[in-house]
Amino acid sequence: MAQVKTKVLTAHVPITMAEKIDQMAYQRERSRGWIVKQALSEWLDQEEERNRLTREALADVDSGHVLDHRTVLAWADSLDTDKPMDVPR
């Protein structure tokens, strides 16, 4: 099995955050590094998805696939009524 190359990253974090990381690591019987890698992995996935959705939304705008603000407000206002409107398309 090929060994994955790694790189050490250093970050200054508030003491309270570091203590929470240490506590979670202890509770899960994992290292501090494992906790940080998990958190960074999740954050990177989230940011990549946010970027993908932003590009998708901008492509919709470029193609003219947008909704009028009033239409969206009317739909949102209807959600508190007995007969909410269908989601505008």
PDB file of N, CA and C in Angstrom:
ATOM      1  N   MET A   1       0.841  -1.182   0.000  1.00  0.00           N
ATOM      2  CA  MET A   1       0.000   0.000   0.000  1.00  0.00           C
ATOM      3  C   MET A   1       0.887   1.247   0.000  1.00  0.00           C
ATOM      4  N   ALA A   2       0.604   2.175  -0.894  1.00  0.00           N
ATOM      5  CA  ALA A   2       1.412   3.392  -0.996  1.00  0.00           C
ATOM      6  C   ALA A   2       1.152   4.303   0.200  1.00  0.00           C
ATOM      7  N   GLN A   3       2.216   4.898   0.690  1.00  0.00           N
ATOM      8  CA  GLN A   3       2.088   5.796   1.826  1.00  0.00           C
ATOM      9  C   GLN A   3       1.713   7.187   1.317  1.00  0.00           C
ATOM     10  N   VAL A   4       0.741   7.799   1.979  1.00  0.00           N
ATOM     11  CA  VAL A   4       0.281   9.130   1.611  1.00  0.00           C
ATOM     12  C   VAL A   4       1.267  10.157   2.146  1.00  0.00           C
ATOM     13  N   LYS A   5       1.684  11.065   1.280  1.00  0.00           N
ATOM     14  CA  LYS A   5       2.563  12.140   1.740  1.00  0.00           C
ATOM     15  C   LYS A   5       1.740  13.124   2.546  1.00  0.00           C
ATOM     16  N   THR A   6       2.350  13.687   3.559  1.00  0.00           N
ATOM     17  CA  THR A   6       1.651  14.646   4.411  1.00  0.00           C
ATOM     18  C   THR A   6       2.470  15.923   4.538  1.00  0.00           C
ATOM     19  N   LYS A   7       1.812  16.945   5.048  1.00  0.00           N
ATOM     20  CA  LYS A   7       2.455  18.230   5.289  1.00  0.00           C
ATOM     21  C   LYS A   7       1.911  18.765   6.609  1.00  0.00           C
ATOM     22  N   VAL A   8       2.773  19.262   7.437  1.00  0.00           N
ATOM     23  CA  VAL A   8       2.364  19.811   8.723  1.00  0.00           C
ATOM     24  C   VAL A   8       1.850  21.233   8.512  1.00  0.00           C
ATOM     25  N   LEU A   9       0.667  21.489   9.062  1.00  0.00           N
ATOM     26  CA  LEU A   9       0.088  22.836   9.054  1.00  0.00           C
ATOM     27  C   LEU A   9       0.025  23.321  10.496  1.00  0.00           C
ATOM     28  N   THR A  10       0.267  24.579  10.694  1.00  0.00           N
ATOM     29  CA  THR A  10       0.207  25.150  12.032  1.00  0.00           C
ATOM     30  C   THR A  10      -0.841  26.244  12.051  1.00  0.00           C
ATOM     31  N   ALA A  11      -1.649  26.250  13.098  1.00  0.00           N
ATOM     32  CA  ALA A  11      -2.678  27.282  13.228  1.00  0.00           C
ATOM     33  C   ALA A  11      -2.796  27.671  14.694  1.00  0.00           C
ATOM     34  N   HIS A  12      -2.942  28.933  14.928  1.00  0.00           N
ATOM     35  CA  HIS A  12      -3.200  29.409  16.277  1.00  0.00           C
ATOM     36  C   HIS A  12      -4.707  29.418  16.476  1.00  0.00           C
ATOM     37  N   VAL A  13      -5.165  28.711  17.503  1.00  0.00           N
ATOM     38  CA  VAL A  13      -6.592  28.658  17.803  1.00  0.00           C
ATOM     39  C   VAL A  13      -6.804  29.108  19.244  1.00  0.00           C
ATOM     40  N   PRO A  14      -7.985  29.625  19.536  1.00  0.00           N
ATOM     41  CA  PRO A  14      -8.271  30.023  20.921  1.00  0.00           C
ATOM     42  C   PRO A  14      -8.132  28.825  21.860  1.00  0.00           C
ATOM     43  N   ILE A  15      -7.701  29.087  23.068  1.00  0.00           N
ATOM     44  CA  ILE A  15      -7.499  28.049  24.077  1.00  0.00           C
ATOM     45  C   ILE A  15      -8.761  27.211  24.250  1.00  0.00           C
ATOM     46  N   THR A  16      -9.919  27.867  24.296  1.00  0.00           N
ATOM     47  CA  THR A  16     -11.159  27.113  24.513  1.00  0.00           C
ATOM     48  C   THR A  16     -11.405  26.117  23.381  1.00  0.00           C
ATOM     49  N   MET A  17     -11.075  26.491  22.152  1.00  0.00           N
ATOM     50  CA  MET A  17     -11.250  25.585  21.024  1.00  0.00           C
ATOM     51  C   MET A  17     -10.278  24.414  21.142  1.00  0.00           C
ATOM     52  N   ALA A  18      -9.046  24.699  21.481  1.00  0.00           N
ATOM     53  CA  ALA A  18      -8.047  23.644  21.638  1.00  0.00           C
ATOM     54  C   ALA A  18      -8.455  22.671  22.740  1.00  0.00           C
ATOM     55  N   GLU A  19      -9.007  23.202  23.820  1.00  0.00           N
ATOM     56  CA  GLU A  19      -9.451  22.342  24.917  1.00  0.00           C
ATOM     57  C   GLU A  19     -10.616  21.452  24.483  1.00  0.00           C
ATOM     58  N   LYS A  20     -11.526  21.996  23.689  1.00  0.00           N
ATOM     59  CA  LYS A  20     -12.639  21.192  23.181  1.00  0.00           C
ATOM     60  C   LYS A  20     -12.133  20.086  22.251  1.00  0.00           C
ATOM     61  N   ILE A  21     -11.163  20.418  21.421  1.00  0.00           N
ATOM     62  CA  ILE A  21     -10.579  19.409  20.528  1.00  0.00           C
ATOM     63  C   ILE A  21      -9.933  18.312  21.352  1.00  0.00           C
ATOM     64  N   ASP A  22      -9.175  18.693  22.365  1.00  0.00           N
ATOM     65  CA  ASP A  22      -8.538  17.703  23.236  1.00  0.00           C
ATOM     66  C   ASP A  22      -9.578  16.821  23.921  1.00  0.00           C
ATOM     67  N   GLN A  23     -10.660  17.438  24.379  1.00  0.00           N
ATOM     68  CA  GLN A  23     -11.717  16.691  25.056  1.00  0.00           C
ATOM     69  C   GLN A  23     -12.377  15.698  24.089  1.00  0.00           C
ATOM     70  N   MET A  24     -12.668  16.142  22.885  1.00  0.00           N
ATOM     71  CA  MET A  24     -13.276  15.246  21.892  1.00  0.00           C
ATOM     72  C   MET A  24     -12.321  14.112  21.526  1.00  0.00           C
ATOM     73  N   ALA A  25     -11.067  14.434  21.382  1.00  0.00           N
ATOM     74  CA  ALA A  25     -10.068  13.406  21.061  1.00  0.00           C
ATOM     75  C   ALA A  25     -10.023  12.359  22.169  1.00  0.00           C
ATOM     76  N   TYR A  26     -10.022  12.805  23.396  1.00  0.00           N
ATOM     77  CA  TYR A  26      -9.993  11.879  24.532  1.00  0.00           C
ATOM     78  C   TYR A  26     -11.243  11.001  24.558  1.00  0.00           C
ATOM     79  N   GLN A  27     -12.419  11.627  24.386  1.00  0.00           N
ATOM     80  CA  GLN A  27     -13.682  10.890  24.425  1.00  0.00           C
ATOM     81  C   GLN A  27     -13.760   9.842  23.321  1.00  0.00           C
ATOM     82  N   ARG A  28     -13.188  10.148  22.179  1.00  0.00           N
ATOM     83  CA  ARG A  28     -13.274   9.253  21.019  1.00  0.00           C
ATOM     84  C   ARG A  28     -12.061   8.329  20.895  1.00  0.00           C
ATOM     85  N   GLU A  29     -11.149   8.489  21.838  1.00  0.00           N
ATOM     86  CA  GLU A  29      -9.906   7.709  21.816  1.00  0.00           C
ATOM     87  C   GLU A  29      -9.187   7.876  20.479  1.00  0.00           C
ATOM     88  N   ARG A  30      -9.102   9.118  20.048  1.00  0.00           N
ATOM     89  CA  ARG A  30      -8.425   9.487  18.807  1.00  0.00           C
ATOM     90  C   ARG A  30      -7.388  10.546  19.128  1.00  0.00           C
ATOM     91  N   SER A  31      -6.518  10.798  18.175  1.00  0.00           N
ATOM     92  CA  SER A  31      -5.520  11.851  18.384  1.00  0.00           C
ATOM     93  C   SER A  31      -6.123  13.206  18.039  1.00  0.00           C
ATOM     94  N   ARG A  32      -5.468  14.236  18.549  1.00  0.00           N
ATOM     95  CA  ARG A  32      -5.859  15.603  18.209  1.00  0.00           C
ATOM     96  C   ARG A  32      -5.764  15.789  16.693  1.00  0.00           C
ATOM     97  N   GLY A  33      -4.706  15.259  16.092  1.00  0.00           N
ATOM     98  CA  GLY A  33      -4.532  15.379  14.647  1.00  0.00           C
ATOM     99  C   GLY A  33      -5.664  14.748  13.867  1.00  0.00           C
ATOM    100  N   TRP A  34      -6.169  13.604  14.348  1.00  0.00           N
ATOM    101  CA  TRP A  34      -7.281  12.934  13.673  1.00  0.00           C
ATOM    102  C   TRP A  34      -8.526  13.811  13.695  1.00  0.00           C
ATOM    103  N   ILE A  35      -8.796  14.417  14.854  1.00  0.00           N
ATOM    104  CA  ILE A  35      -9.962  15.308  14.985  1.00  0.00           C
ATOM    105  C   ILE A  35      -9.831  16.487  14.022  1.00  0.00           C
ATOM    106  N   VAL A  36      -8.663  17.097  13.977  1.00  0.00           N
ATOM    107  CA  VAL A  36      -8.450  18.260  13.111  1.00  0.00           C
ATOM    108  C   VAL A  36      -8.566  17.854  11.639  1.00  0.00           C
ATOM    109  N   LYS A  37      -8.002  16.699  11.263  1.00  0.00           N
ATOM    110  CA  LYS A  37      -8.113  16.235   9.872  1.00  0.00           C
ATOM    111  C   LYS A  37      -9.567  15.986   9.486  1.00  0.00           C
ATOM    112  N   GLN A  38     -10.340  15.401  10.405  1.00  0.00           N
ATOM    113  CA  GLN A  38     -11.767  15.178  10.129  1.00  0.00           C
ATOM    114  C   GLN A  38     -12.481  16.503   9.904  1.00  0.00           C
ATOM    115  N   ALA A  39     -12.209  17.472  10.764  1.00  0.00           N
ATOM    116  CA  ALA A  39     -12.856  18.779  10.649  1.00  0.00           C
ATOM    117  C   ALA A  39     -12.472  19.472   9.348  1.00  0.00           C
ATOM    118  N   LEU A  40     -11.202  19.430   8.999  1.00  0.00           N
ATOM    119  CA  LEU A  40     -10.752  20.063   7.757  1.00  0.00           C
ATOM    120  C   LEU A  40     -11.333  19.374   6.539  1.00  0.00           C
ATOM    121  N   SER A  41     -11.422  18.061   6.581  1.00  0.00           N
ATOM    122  CA  SER A  41     -11.988  17.314   5.470  1.00  0.00           C
ATOM    123  C   SER A  41     -13.446  17.704   5.245  1.00  0.00           C
ATOM    124  N   GLU A  42     -14.208  17.768   6.336  1.00  0.00           N
ATOM    125  CA  GLU A  42     -15.620  18.175   6.239  1.00  0.00           C
ATOM    126  C   GLU A  42     -15.747  19.603   5.715  1.00  0.00           C
ATOM    127  N   TRP A  43     -14.907  20.503   6.203  1.00  0.00           N
ATOM    128  CA  TRP A  43     -14.954  21.895   5.776  1.00  0.00           C
ATOM    129  C   TRP A  43     -14.624  22.009   4.289  1.00  0.00           C
ATOM    130  N   LEU A  44     -13.587  21.291   3.850  1.00  0.00           N
ATOM    131  CA  LEU A  44     -13.229  21.327   2.431  1.00  0.00           C
ATOM    132  C   LEU A  44     -14.364  20.808   1.558  1.00  0.00           C
ATOM    133  N   ASP A  45     -14.995  19.716   1.965  1.00  0.00           N
ATOM    134  CA  ASP A  45     -16.144  19.183   1.215  1.00  0.00           C
ATOM    135  C   ASP A  45     -17.268  20.209   1.140  1.00  0.00           C
ATOM    136  N   GLN A  46     -17.538  20.860   2.266  1.00  0.00           N
ATOM    137  CA  GLN A  46     -18.606  21.870   2.328  1.00  0.00           C
ATOM    138  C   GLN A  46     -18.291  23.051   1.415  1.00  0.00           C
ATOM    139  N   GLU A  47     -17.058  23.518   1.446  1.00  0.00           N
ATOM    140  CA  GLU A  47     -16.673  24.659   0.613  1.00  0.00           C
ATOM    141  C   GLU A  47     -16.697  24.299  -0.877  1.00  0.00           C
ATOM    142  N   GLU A  48     -16.288  23.085  -1.224  1.00  0.00           N
ATOM    143  CA  GLU A  48     -16.350  22.650  -2.615  1.00  0.00           C
ATOM    144  C   GLU A  48     -17.801  22.593  -3.091  1.00  0.00           C
ATOM    145  N   GLU A  49     -18.695  22.106  -2.233  1.00  0.00           N
ATOM    146  CA  GLU A  49     -20.115  22.058  -2.593  1.00  0.00           C
ATOM    147  C   GLU A  49     -20.687  23.465  -2.707  1.00  0.00           C
ATOM    148  N   ARG A  50     -20.309  24.351  -1.803  1.00  0.00           N
ATOM    149  CA  ARG A  50     -20.781  25.741  -1.872  1.00  0.00           C
ATOM    150  C   ARG A  50     -20.322  26.382  -3.182  1.00  0.00           C
ATOM    151  N   ASN A  51     -19.076  26.120  -3.559  1.00  0.00           N
ATOM    152  CA  ASN A  51     -18.550  26.662  -4.807  1.00  0.00           C
ATOM    153  C   ASN A  51     -19.307  26.106  -6.002  1.00  0.00           C
ATOM    154  N   ARG A  52     -19.589  24.800  -5.994  1.00  0.00           N
ATOM    155  CA  ARG A  52     -20.331  24.178  -7.085  1.00  0.00           C
ATOM    156  C   ARG A  52     -21.732  24.784  -7.211  1.00  0.00           C
ATOM    157  N   LEU A  53     -22.406  24.942  -6.079  1.00  0.00           N
ATOM    158  CA  LEU A  53     -23.757  25.516  -6.095  1.00  0.00           C
ATOM    159  C   LEU A  53     -23.746  26.971  -6.555  1.00  0.00           C
ATOM    160  N   THR A  54     -22.722  27.706  -6.173  1.00  0.00           N
ATOM    161  CA  THR A  54     -22.607  29.105  -6.608  1.00  0.00           C
ATOM    162  C   THR A  54     -22.432  29.176  -8.120  1.00  0.00           C
ATOM    163  N   ARG A  55     -21.539  28.321  -8.661  1.00  0.00           N
ATOM    164  CA  ARG A  55     -21.344  28.305 -10.119  1.00  0.00           C
ATOM    165  C   ARG A  55     -22.630  27.903 -10.845  1.00  0.00           C
ATOM    166  N   GLU A  56     -23.352  26.953 -10.269  1.00  0.00           N
ATOM    167  CA  GLU A  56     -24.629  26.521 -10.845  1.00  0.00           C
ATOM    168  C   GLU A  56     -25.635  27.665 -10.834  1.00  0.00           C
ATOM    169  N   ALA A  57     -25.708  28.385  -9.735  1.00  0.00           N
ATOM    170  CA  ALA A  57     -26.640  29.513  -9.631  1.00  0.00           C
ATOM    171  C   ALA A  57     -26.273  30.624 -10.610  1.00  0.00           C
ATOM    172  N   LEU A  58     -24.989  30.907 -10.735  1.00  0.00           N
ATOM    173  CA  LEU A  58     -24.562  31.945 -11.677  1.00  0.00           C
ATOM    174  C   LEU A  58     -24.863  31.541 -13.120  1.00  0.00           C
ATOM    175  N   ALA A  59     -24.752  30.263 -13.425  1.00  0.00           N
ATOM    176  CA  ALA A  59     -25.103  29.782 -14.768  1.00  0.00           C
ATOM    177  C   ALA A  59     -26.599  29.963 -15.008  1.00  0.00           C
ATOM    178  N   ASP A  60     -27.428  29.724 -13.978  1.00  0.00           N
ATOM    179  CA  ASP A  60     -28.869  29.968 -14.110  1.00  0.00           C
ATOM    180  C   ASP A  60     -29.148  31.434 -14.395  1.00  0.00           C
ATOM    181  N   VAL A  61     -28.461  32.313 -13.682  1.00  0.00           N
ATOM    182  CA  VAL A  61     -28.642  33.757 -13.908  1.00  0.00           C
ATOM    183  C   VAL A  61     -28.225  34.119 -15.323  1.00  0.00           C
ATOM    184  N   ASP A  62     -27.076  33.615 -15.750  1.00  0.00           N
ATOM    185  CA  ASP A  62     -26.590  33.910 -17.107  1.00  0.00           C
ATOM    186  C   ASP A  62     -27.566  33.428 -18.174  1.00  0.00           C
ATOM    187  N   SER A  63     -28.262  32.318 -17.911  1.00  0.00           N
ATOM    188  CA  SER A  63     -29.200  31.782 -18.898  1.00  0.00           C
ATOM    189  C   SER A  63     -30.597  32.382 -18.762  1.00  0.00           C
ATOM    190  N   GLY A  64     -30.762  33.301 -17.788  1.00  0.00           N
ATOM    191  CA  GLY A  64     -32.057  33.960 -17.611  1.00  0.00           C
ATOM    192  C   GLY A  64     -33.052  33.167 -16.793  1.00  0.00           C
ATOM    193  N   HIS A  65     -32.613  32.098 -16.181  1.00  0.00           N
ATOM    194  CA  HIS A  65     -33.494  31.271 -15.356  1.00  0.00           C
ATOM    195  C   HIS A  65     -33.523  31.841 -13.942  1.00  0.00           C
ATOM    196  N   VAL A  66     -34.325  32.901 -13.783  1.00  0.00           N
ATOM    197  CA  VAL A  66     -34.430  33.602 -12.498  1.00  0.00           C
ATOM    198  C   VAL A  66     -35.894  33.843 -12.178  1.00  0.00           C
ATOM    199  N   LEU A  67     -36.171  34.164 -10.933  1.00  0.00           N
ATOM    200  CA  LEU A  67     -37.524  34.482 -10.496  1.00  0.00           C
ATOM    201  C   LEU A  67     -37.587  35.936 -10.065  1.00  0.00           C
ATOM    202  N   ASP A  68     -38.710  36.539 -10.326  1.00  0.00           N
ATOM    203  CA  ASP A  68     -38.957  37.912  -9.891  1.00  0.00           C
ATOM    204  C   ASP A  68     -39.029  37.942  -8.362  1.00  0.00           C
ATOM    205  N   HIS A  69     -38.451  38.958  -7.780  1.00  0.00           N
ATOM    206  CA  HIS A  69     -38.415  39.091  -6.315  1.00  0.00           C
ATOM    207  C   HIS A  69     -39.821  39.068  -5.722  1.00  0.00           C
ATOM    208  N   ARG A  70     -40.749  39.733  -6.352  1.00  0.00           N
ATOM    209  CA  ARG A  70     -42.130  39.767  -5.839  1.00  0.00           C
ATOM    210  C   ARG A  70     -42.756  38.374  -5.820  1.00  0.00           C
ATOM    211  N   THR A  71     -42.441  37.584  -6.819  1.00  0.00           N
ATOM    212  CA  THR A  71     -42.961  36.211  -6.881  1.00  0.00           C
ATOM    213  C   THR A  71     -42.454  35.408  -5.693  1.00  0.00           C
ATOM    214  N   VAL A  72     -41.169  35.551  -5.393  1.00  0.00           N
ATOM    215  CA  VAL A  72     -40.583  34.824  -4.268  1.00  0.00           C
ATOM    216  C   VAL A  72     -41.181  35.309  -2.952  1.00  0.00           C
ATOM    217  N   LEU A  73     -41.342  36.619  -2.799  1.00  0.00           N
ATOM    218  CA  LEU A  73     -41.941  37.161  -1.568  1.00  0.00           C
ATOM    219  C   LEU A  73     -43.369  36.673  -1.385  1.00  0.00           C
ATOM    220  N   ALA A  74     -44.143  36.664  -2.457  1.00  0.00           N
ATOM    221  CA  ALA A  74     -45.526  36.190  -2.372  1.00  0.00           C
ATOM    222  C   ALA A  74     -45.561  34.727  -1.937  1.00  0.00           C
ATOM    223  N   TRP A  75     -44.676  33.929  -2.499  1.00  0.00           N
ATOM    224  CA  TRP A  75     -44.611  32.515  -2.118  1.00  0.00           C
ATOM    225  C   TRP A  75     -44.214  32.383  -0.642  1.00  0.00           C
ATOM    226  N   ALA A  76     -43.186  33.122  -0.229  1.00  0.00           N
ATOM    227  CA  ALA A  76     -42.725  33.043   1.161  1.00  0.00           C
ATOM    228  C   ALA A  76     -43.828  33.484   2.121  1.00  0.00           C
ATOM    229  N   ASP A  77     -44.532  34.549   1.783  1.00  0.00           N
ATOM    230  CA  ASP A  77     -45.624  35.028   2.637  1.00  0.00           C
ATOM    231  C   ASP A  77     -46.751  34.003   2.730  1.00  0.00           C
ATOM    232  N   SER A  78     -46.954  33.231   1.673  1.00  0.00           N
ATOM    233  CA  SER A  78     -48.036  32.248   1.668  1.00  0.00           C
ATOM    234  C   SER A  78     -47.752  31.057   2.571  1.00  0.00           C
ATOM    235  N   LEU A  79     -46.511  30.867   2.957  1.00  0.00           N
ATOM    236  CA  LEU A  79     -46.157  29.696   3.762  1.00  0.00           C
ATOM    237  C   LEU A  79     -46.789  29.731   5.151  1.00  0.00           C
ATOM    238  N   ASP A  80     -47.156  30.922   5.635  1.00  0.00           N
ATOM    239  CA  ASP A  80     -47.803  31.052   6.943  1.00  0.00           C
ATOM    240  C   ASP A  80     -49.321  31.000   6.848  1.00  0.00           C
ATOM    241  N   THR A  81     -49.853  30.677   5.682  1.00  0.00           N
ATOM    242  CA  THR A  81     -51.299  30.649   5.492  1.00  0.00           C
ATOM    243  C   THR A  81     -51.805  29.219   5.456  1.00  0.00           C
ATOM    244  N   ASP A  82     -53.133  29.085   5.419  1.00  0.00           N
ATOM    245  CA  ASP A  82     -53.740  27.757   5.321  1.00  0.00           C
ATOM    246  C   ASP A  82     -53.544  27.137   3.945  1.00  0.00           C
ATOM    247  N   LYS A  83     -53.288  27.980   2.939  1.00  0.00           N
ATOM    248  CA  LYS A  83     -53.112  27.485   1.575  1.00  0.00           C
ATOM    249  C   LYS A  83     -51.818  28.028   0.979  1.00  0.00           C
ATOM    250  N   PRO A  84     -50.679  27.434   1.348  1.00  0.00           N
ATOM    251  CA  PRO A  84     -49.402  27.916   0.791  1.00  0.00           C
ATOM    252  C   PRO A  84     -49.354  27.673  -0.719  1.00  0.00           C
ATOM    253  N   MET A  85     -48.709  28.603  -1.401  1.00  0.00           N
ATOM    254  CA  MET A  85     -48.544  28.490  -2.847  1.00  0.00           C
ATOM    255  C   MET A  85     -47.532  27.395  -3.154  1.00  0.00           C
ATOM    256  N   ASP A  86     -47.620  26.860  -4.379  1.00  0.00           N
ATOM    257  CA  ASP A  86     -46.598  25.926  -4.839  1.00  0.00           C
ATOM    258  C   ASP A  86     -45.284  26.685  -4.985  1.00  0.00           C
ATOM    259  N   VAL A  87     -44.193  25.965  -4.881  1.00  0.00           N
ATOM    260  CA  VAL A  87     -42.873  26.574  -5.039  1.00  0.00           C
ATOM    261  C   VAL A  87     -42.780  27.153  -6.463  1.00  0.00           C
ATOM    262  N   PRO A  88     -42.419  28.443  -6.575  1.00  0.00           N
ATOM    263  CA  PRO A  88     -42.317  29.028  -7.913  1.00  0.00           C
ATOM    264  C   PRO A  88     -41.186  28.395  -8.719  1.00  0.00           C
ATOM    265  N   ARG A  89     -41.377  28.282  -9.991  1.00  0.00           N
ATOM    266  CA  ARG A  89     -40.358  27.688 -10.870  1.00  0.00           C
ATOM    267  C   ARG A  89     -40.006  28.639 -11.977  1.00  0.00           C
TER     268      ARG A  89
END
